[in-house]
Amino acid sequence: MTVEARDYILPNEIIDEVLFLTVKQDVLNVLNDPNTDITYFGFAPDNTADNQDELLLDGVFFRIIAYNKDLGLTLESSKEEVLAAYSNLVNSKSPYWTTFITERGFIKEEITIELLYQ
């Protein structure tokens, strides 16, 4: 699942090992905001859109990768169910890893903070 992190200010000079602790509350704030829209929900997207503006979103995003079946979700689950399940996951468990992914086109720049749960 991917959600836009509107107006999020990226932390400077942070290493992946402490990134989750730095962004956890911000991710929860976005997931618990009733105005949050889900940018993408489904199979994990491929991160190979460099130099392809038509494939990029412009901005900062949080992407949480987890098995929907482990969360009790299906592709037909409501927005509220999806956001609540992912919020519960982030609140109760640490991800396997968290990292930044930056992809640049000629006009757009997509920065994703990715949390991977196994």
Protein backbone atom coordinates (compact mmCIF):
# COMPACT_ATOMS: atom_id res chain seq x y z
CA MET A 1 0.00 0.00 0.00
CA THR A 2 1.23 3.50 -0.82
CA VAL A 3 -0.08 6.77 0.63
CA GLU A 4 1.03 10.29 -0.06
CA ALA A 5 2.97 11.98 2.75
CA ARG A 6 1.70 15.50 2.05
CA ASP A 7 3.94 18.27 3.35
CA TYR A 8 6.31 15.74 4.91
CA ILE A 9 9.79 17.07 5.51
CA LEU A 10 12.36 14.37 4.94
CA PRO A 11 14.86 13.85 7.74
CA ASN A 12 18.40 14.78 6.75
CA GLU A 13 21.36 12.43 6.98
CA ILE A 14 19.45 9.54 8.54
CA ILE A 15 20.61 5.96 8.14
CA ASP A 16 18.23 3.11 7.35
CA GLU A 17 18.80 1.40 10.71
CA VAL A 18 17.03 4.20 12.62
CA LEU A 19 14.71 5.42 9.87
CA PHE A 20 11.66 3.54 11.16
CA LEU A 21 12.00 5.07 14.62
CA THR A 22 12.25 8.49 13.00
CA VAL A 23 9.21 8.16 10.72
CA LYS A 24 6.92 5.83 12.72
CA GLN A 25 4.74 8.55 14.25
CA ASP A 26 4.52 10.41 10.93
CA VAL A 27 3.40 7.23 9.16
CA LEU A 28 0.79 6.63 11.86
CA ASN A 29 -0.44 10.22 11.59
CA VAL A 30 -0.98 9.79 7.84
CA LEU A 31 -2.65 6.38 8.23
CA ASN A 32 -4.98 7.66 10.96
CA ASP A 33 -5.96 10.83 9.10
CA PRO A 34 -9.50 10.38 7.69
CA ASN A 35 -8.54 12.61 4.75
CA THR A 36 -5.76 10.27 3.62
CA ASP A 37 -6.32 8.69 0.24
CA ILE A 38 -4.66 5.46 -0.78
CA THR A 39 -2.39 6.15 -3.74
CA TYR A 40 -1.85 2.47 -4.51
CA PHE A 41 -3.08 -0.80 -3.01
CA GLY A 42 -2.19 -4.18 -4.44
CA PHE A 43 0.90 -6.13 -5.35
CA ALA A 44 4.19 -4.38 -4.52
CA PRO A 45 5.07 -2.04 -7.41
CA ASP A 46 8.32 -2.18 -9.30
CA ASN A 47 10.75 0.65 -8.49
CA THR A 48 12.21 1.18 -11.95
CA ALA A 49 10.65 4.42 -13.14
CA ASP A 50 13.81 6.58 -13.29
CA ASN A 51 13.77 8.98 -16.24
CA GLN A 52 10.15 8.09 -17.01
CA ASP A 53 7.98 10.98 -15.84
CA GLU A 54 4.81 9.25 -17.03
CA LEU A 55 5.44 6.43 -14.50
CA LEU A 56 6.38 8.68 -11.58
CA LEU A 57 4.26 10.39 -8.98
CA ASP A 58 5.57 13.75 -7.84
CA GLY A 59 6.13 14.07 -4.10
CA VAL A 60 6.89 12.07 -0.97
CA PHE A 61 5.16 8.78 -0.20
CA PHE A 62 5.04 6.09 2.46
CA ARG A 63 4.91 2.55 1.05
CA ILE A 64 4.19 -0.32 3.40
CA ILE A 65 4.72 -3.78 1.99
CA ALA A 66 2.98 -6.60 3.84
CA TYR A 67 0.90 -9.63 2.96
CA ASN A 68 -2.76 -8.61 2.76
CA LYS A 69 -3.82 -12.08 3.91
CA ASP A 70 -1.81 -11.57 7.14
CA LEU A 71 -3.70 -8.32 7.69
CA GLY A 72 -7.10 -9.86 6.97
CA LEU A 73 -7.49 -7.75 3.82
CA THR A 74 -8.49 -8.41 0.23
CA LEU A 75 -8.24 -6.16 -2.81
CA GLU A 76 -11.94 -5.40 -2.22
CA SER A 77 -11.42 -4.13 1.36
CA SER A 78 -12.61 -0.60 2.05
CA LYS A 79 -10.22 2.32 2.39
CA GLU A 80 -11.02 2.52 6.10
CA GLU A 81 -10.29 -1.19 6.63
CA VAL A 82 -7.00 -0.95 4.75
CA LEU A 83 -5.77 2.15 6.59
CA ALA A 84 -6.79 0.71 9.98
CA ALA A 85 -5.05 -2.62 9.33
CA TYR A 86 -1.83 -0.97 8.20
CA SER A 87 -1.95 1.49 11.11
CA ASN A 88 -2.27 -1.42 13.53
CA LEU A 89 0.67 -3.16 11.84
CA VAL A 90 2.95 -0.11 12.02
CA ASN A 91 1.91 0.59 15.59
CA SER A 92 2.49 -2.96 16.84
CA LYS A 93 5.47 -4.30 14.85
CA SER A 94 8.78 -3.10 13.51
CA PRO A 95 9.40 -3.72 9.83
CA TYR A 96 12.06 -6.07 8.54
CA TRP A 97 13.68 -3.01 6.97
CA THR A 98 12.94 0.62 6.16
CA THR A 99 14.65 2.62 3.43
CA PHE A 100 14.40 5.64 1.14
CA ILE A 101 13.89 5.14 -2.57
CA THR A 102 14.34 8.18 -4.80
CA GLU A 103 13.37 8.06 -8.46
CA ARG A 104 13.83 11.04 -10.74
CA GLY A 105 12.39 11.86 -14.08
CA PHE A 106 13.09 14.93 -16.14
CA ILE A 107 10.31 16.87 -14.38
CA LYS A 108 9.09 14.72 -11.48
CA GLU A 109 10.80 13.35 -8.39
CA GLU A 110 9.22 10.54 -6.39
CA ILE A 111 10.63 9.89 -2.93
CA THR A 112 9.31 6.85 -1.15
CA ILE A 113 9.96 5.78 2.41
CA GLU A 114 9.42 2.05 2.22
CA LEU A 115 8.64 -0.25 5.16
CA LEU A 116 8.90 -3.97 4.45
CA TYR A 117 7.10 -6.44 6.70
CA GLN A 118 7.50 -10.20 6.29
